[in-house]
Amino acid sequence: MGPNRDSSFHVVGAQFDTVYREGRWESRPADPGGAQVLQLGPAAGGFVELTFPAAGRYPFVSHAMVDAERGARGLFEVR
């Protein structure tokens, strides 16, 4: 997102099994539930893992919708 804006990574239609943010686990497959976003502050880091529920197209965004409208979005295609 840049040096001074937060980002909330989200995959539409899927849920994260694993969320790791800034040196700590926030969700793991053994934990009940899951997460829908990975929220990161400026210069922060983390990762997610997920299993898609079915074949299809799954868009991802940062939840800064004005940026998505400008093209900051992507698409996972699962076959």
N, C-alpha and C. Protein backbone atom coordinates (compact mmCIF):
# COMPACT_ATOMS: atom_id res chain seq x y z
N MET A 1 0.82 -1.20 0.00
CA MET A 1 0.00 0.00 0.00
C MET A 1 0.86 1.25 0.00
N GLY A 2 2.05 1.17 0.48
CA GLY A 2 2.88 2.35 0.51
C GLY A 2 3.41 2.62 1.90
N PRO A 3 4.14 3.67 2.05
CA PRO A 3 4.80 3.93 3.34
C PRO A 3 3.91 4.51 4.42
N ASN A 4 2.69 4.93 4.10
CA ASN A 4 1.91 5.61 5.13
C ASN A 4 0.43 5.23 5.14
N ARG A 5 0.06 4.09 4.53
CA ARG A 5 -1.35 3.68 4.53
C ARG A 5 -1.47 2.24 4.99
N ASP A 6 -2.51 1.97 5.74
CA ASP A 6 -2.81 0.60 6.15
C ASP A 6 -3.34 -0.19 4.96
N SER A 7 -3.26 -1.51 5.08
CA SER A 7 -3.78 -2.39 4.06
C SER A 7 -4.51 -3.55 4.74
N SER A 8 -5.63 -3.95 4.20
CA SER A 8 -6.38 -5.11 4.70
C SER A 8 -6.60 -6.06 3.54
N PHE A 9 -5.70 -7.03 3.40
CA PHE A 9 -5.75 -7.98 2.29
C PHE A 9 -6.93 -8.91 2.48
N HIS A 10 -7.75 -9.05 1.44
CA HIS A 10 -8.97 -9.84 1.51
C HIS A 10 -9.17 -10.58 0.20
N VAL A 11 -9.50 -11.88 0.29
CA VAL A 11 -9.86 -12.68 -0.88
C VAL A 11 -11.37 -12.90 -0.81
N VAL A 12 -12.09 -12.40 -1.79
CA VAL A 12 -13.54 -12.49 -1.80
C VAL A 12 -13.96 -13.94 -2.05
N GLY A 13 -14.76 -14.49 -1.13
CA GLY A 13 -15.28 -15.84 -1.29
C GLY A 13 -14.45 -16.93 -0.65
N ALA A 14 -13.39 -16.57 0.06
CA ALA A 14 -12.54 -17.57 0.70
C ALA A 14 -12.18 -17.09 2.11
N GLN A 15 -11.74 -18.02 2.92
CA GLN A 15 -11.37 -17.71 4.30
C GLN A 15 -9.96 -18.22 4.55
N PHE A 16 -9.16 -17.45 5.28
CA PHE A 16 -7.78 -17.84 5.56
C PHE A 16 -7.73 -18.89 6.66
N ASP A 17 -6.98 -19.96 6.40
CA ASP A 17 -6.74 -20.98 7.42
C ASP A 17 -5.64 -20.53 8.39
N THR A 18 -4.64 -19.86 7.84
CA THR A 18 -3.48 -19.43 8.61
C THR A 18 -3.27 -17.94 8.41
N VAL A 19 -3.05 -17.22 9.49
CA VAL A 19 -2.71 -15.79 9.43
C VAL A 19 -1.53 -15.56 10.36
N TYR A 20 -0.47 -14.99 9.80
CA TYR A 20 0.74 -14.65 10.56
C TYR A 20 1.01 -13.18 10.31
N ARG A 21 1.13 -12.42 11.37
CA ARG A 21 1.32 -10.97 11.23
C ARG A 21 2.34 -10.48 12.23
N GLU A 22 3.34 -9.80 11.74
CA GLU A 22 4.33 -9.14 12.57
C GLU A 22 4.88 -10.02 13.69
N GLY A 23 5.34 -11.20 13.33
CA GLY A 23 6.03 -12.05 14.30
C GLY A 23 5.15 -12.93 15.17
N ARG A 24 3.87 -13.02 14.87
CA ARG A 24 3.01 -13.88 15.70
C ARG A 24 1.89 -14.50 14.88
N TRP A 25 1.49 -15.67 15.32
CA TRP A 25 0.37 -16.37 14.70
C TRP A 25 -0.93 -15.77 15.21
N GLU A 26 -1.82 -15.43 14.31
CA GLU A 26 -3.13 -14.94 14.71
C GLU A 26 -4.20 -16.00 14.49
N SER A 27 -3.94 -16.92 13.57
CA SER A 27 -4.87 -18.00 13.29
C SER A 27 -4.08 -19.14 12.67
N ARG A 28 -4.39 -20.36 13.08
CA ARG A 28 -3.76 -21.55 12.52
C ARG A 28 -4.85 -22.56 12.18
N PRO A 29 -4.55 -23.55 11.34
CA PRO A 29 -5.59 -24.51 10.97
C PRO A 29 -6.23 -25.22 12.16
N ALA A 30 -5.50 -25.42 13.24
CA ALA A 30 -6.06 -26.10 14.41
C ALA A 30 -7.01 -25.21 15.20
N ASP A 31 -6.94 -23.90 14.98
CA ASP A 31 -7.81 -22.96 15.71
C ASP A 31 -9.22 -23.00 15.11
N PRO A 32 -10.24 -22.86 15.95
CA PRO A 32 -11.60 -22.79 15.40
C PRO A 32 -11.79 -21.49 14.61
N GLY A 33 -12.59 -21.56 13.60
CA GLY A 33 -12.88 -20.36 12.81
C GLY A 33 -11.81 -20.11 11.78
N GLY A 34 -11.54 -18.89 11.53
CA GLY A 34 -10.56 -18.48 10.53
C GLY A 34 -10.59 -16.97 10.44
N ALA A 35 -10.03 -16.45 9.40
CA ALA A 35 -10.00 -15.00 9.24
C ALA A 35 -10.33 -14.64 7.80
N GLN A 36 -10.83 -13.44 7.60
CA GLN A 36 -11.17 -12.98 6.26
C GLN A 36 -10.23 -11.90 5.74
N VAL A 37 -9.46 -11.27 6.64
CA VAL A 37 -8.53 -10.23 6.21
C VAL A 37 -7.21 -10.36 6.95
N LEU A 38 -6.17 -9.86 6.31
CA LEU A 38 -4.86 -9.67 6.94
C LEU A 38 -4.63 -8.18 6.96
N GLN A 39 -4.76 -7.59 8.13
CA GLN A 39 -4.60 -6.14 8.27
C GLN A 39 -3.15 -5.83 8.61
N LEU A 40 -2.54 -4.95 7.82
CA LEU A 40 -1.14 -4.57 8.02
C LEU A 40 -1.01 -3.06 8.03
N GLY A 41 -0.21 -2.57 8.94
CA GLY A 41 0.11 -1.15 8.97
C GLY A 41 1.25 -0.86 8.01
N PRO A 42 1.61 0.40 7.86
CA PRO A 42 2.71 0.76 6.99
C PRO A 42 3.99 0.01 7.36
N ALA A 43 4.66 -0.55 6.39
CA ALA A 43 5.92 -1.28 6.53
C ALA A 43 5.81 -2.57 7.33
N ALA A 44 4.60 -3.05 7.61
CA ALA A 44 4.41 -4.29 8.35
C ALA A 44 4.46 -5.47 7.38
N GLY A 45 4.59 -6.67 7.93
CA GLY A 45 4.64 -7.86 7.09
C GLY A 45 3.84 -9.00 7.67
N GLY A 46 3.48 -9.94 6.84
CA GLY A 46 2.75 -11.11 7.28
C GLY A 46 2.43 -11.98 6.10
N PHE A 47 1.75 -13.10 6.37
CA PHE A 47 1.32 -13.97 5.29
C PHE A 47 0.06 -14.70 5.69
N VAL A 48 -0.61 -15.24 4.71
CA VAL A 48 -1.82 -16.04 4.92
C VAL A 48 -1.71 -17.32 4.12
N GLU A 49 -2.46 -18.33 4.54
CA GLU A 49 -2.63 -19.56 3.78
C GLU A 49 -4.11 -19.84 3.70
N LEU A 50 -4.55 -20.39 2.58
CA LEU A 50 -5.96 -20.70 2.44
C LEU A 50 -6.14 -21.84 1.46
N THR A 51 -7.27 -22.50 1.57
CA THR A 51 -7.70 -23.51 0.62
C THR A 51 -9.01 -23.01 0.02
N PHE A 52 -9.05 -22.92 -1.28
CA PHE A 52 -10.25 -22.42 -1.93
C PHE A 52 -11.36 -23.48 -1.85
N PRO A 53 -12.59 -23.05 -1.61
CA PRO A 53 -13.68 -24.01 -1.41
C PRO A 53 -14.12 -24.76 -2.67
N ALA A 54 -13.85 -24.19 -3.83
CA ALA A 54 -14.28 -24.82 -5.09
C ALA A 54 -13.54 -24.14 -6.24
N ALA A 55 -13.62 -24.75 -7.40
CA ALA A 55 -13.07 -24.12 -8.60
C ALA A 55 -13.83 -22.81 -8.85
N GLY A 56 -13.15 -21.85 -9.42
CA GLY A 56 -13.79 -20.58 -9.72
C GLY A 56 -12.81 -19.44 -9.71
N ARG A 57 -13.34 -18.25 -9.76
CA ARG A 57 -12.54 -17.02 -9.74
C ARG A 57 -12.75 -16.32 -8.40
N TYR A 58 -11.64 -15.94 -7.78
CA TYR A 58 -11.67 -15.31 -6.47
C TYR A 58 -10.89 -14.00 -6.53
N PRO A 59 -11.57 -12.87 -6.56
CA PRO A 59 -10.88 -11.59 -6.57
C PRO A 59 -10.25 -11.29 -5.22
N PHE A 60 -9.15 -10.54 -5.24
CA PHE A 60 -8.56 -10.07 -3.99
C PHE A 60 -8.33 -8.56 -4.06
N VAL A 61 -8.50 -7.93 -2.91
CA VAL A 61 -8.40 -6.47 -2.80
C VAL A 61 -7.72 -6.11 -1.49
N SER A 62 -7.41 -4.84 -1.34
CA SER A 62 -6.81 -4.36 -0.11
C SER A 62 -7.82 -3.66 0.80
N HIS A 63 -9.04 -3.61 0.40
CA HIS A 63 -10.12 -2.90 1.10
C HIS A 63 -9.98 -1.39 1.04
N ALA A 64 -9.03 -0.88 0.31
CA ALA A 64 -9.03 0.55 -0.04
C ALA A 64 -9.72 0.60 -1.40
N MET A 65 -11.03 0.68 -1.38
CA MET A 65 -11.81 0.50 -2.60
C MET A 65 -11.50 1.53 -3.68
N VAL A 66 -11.09 2.70 -3.29
CA VAL A 66 -10.71 3.68 -4.31
C VAL A 66 -9.50 3.16 -5.08
N ASP A 67 -8.59 2.45 -4.41
CA ASP A 67 -7.44 1.87 -5.10
C ASP A 67 -7.87 0.73 -6.00
N ALA A 68 -8.83 -0.08 -5.55
CA ALA A 68 -9.33 -1.18 -6.38
C ALA A 68 -9.95 -0.63 -7.67
N GLU A 69 -10.67 0.48 -7.55
CA GLU A 69 -11.26 1.10 -8.73
C GLU A 69 -10.20 1.60 -9.69
N ARG A 70 -9.02 1.92 -9.16
CA ARG A 70 -7.91 2.39 -9.99
C ARG A 70 -7.05 1.24 -10.52
N GLY A 71 -7.42 0.00 -10.17
CA GLY A 71 -6.70 -1.15 -10.72
C GLY A 71 -5.91 -1.97 -9.72
N ALA A 72 -5.89 -1.57 -8.45
CA ALA A 72 -5.14 -2.31 -7.42
C ALA A 72 -5.99 -3.48 -6.92
N ARG A 73 -6.11 -4.49 -7.75
CA ARG A 73 -6.87 -5.68 -7.42
C ARG A 73 -6.31 -6.82 -8.24
N GLY A 74 -6.67 -8.02 -7.87
CA GLY A 74 -6.19 -9.19 -8.59
C GLY A 74 -7.23 -10.28 -8.59
N LEU A 75 -6.86 -11.41 -9.18
CA LEU A 75 -7.82 -12.49 -9.32
C LEU A 75 -7.07 -13.82 -9.24
N PHE A 76 -7.52 -14.70 -8.35
CA PHE A 76 -7.05 -16.07 -8.33
C PHE A 76 -8.03 -16.88 -9.16
N GLU A 77 -7.52 -17.66 -10.10
CA GLU A 77 -8.38 -18.55 -10.87
C GLU A 77 -8.05 -19.98 -10.45
N VAL A 78 -9.02 -20.64 -9.86
CA VAL A 78 -8.84 -21.99 -9.32
C VAL A 78 -9.54 -22.97 -10.25
N ARG A 79 -8.81 -23.97 -10.69
CA ARG A 79 -9.38 -24.97 -11.61
C ARG A 79 -9.55 -26.30 -10.92
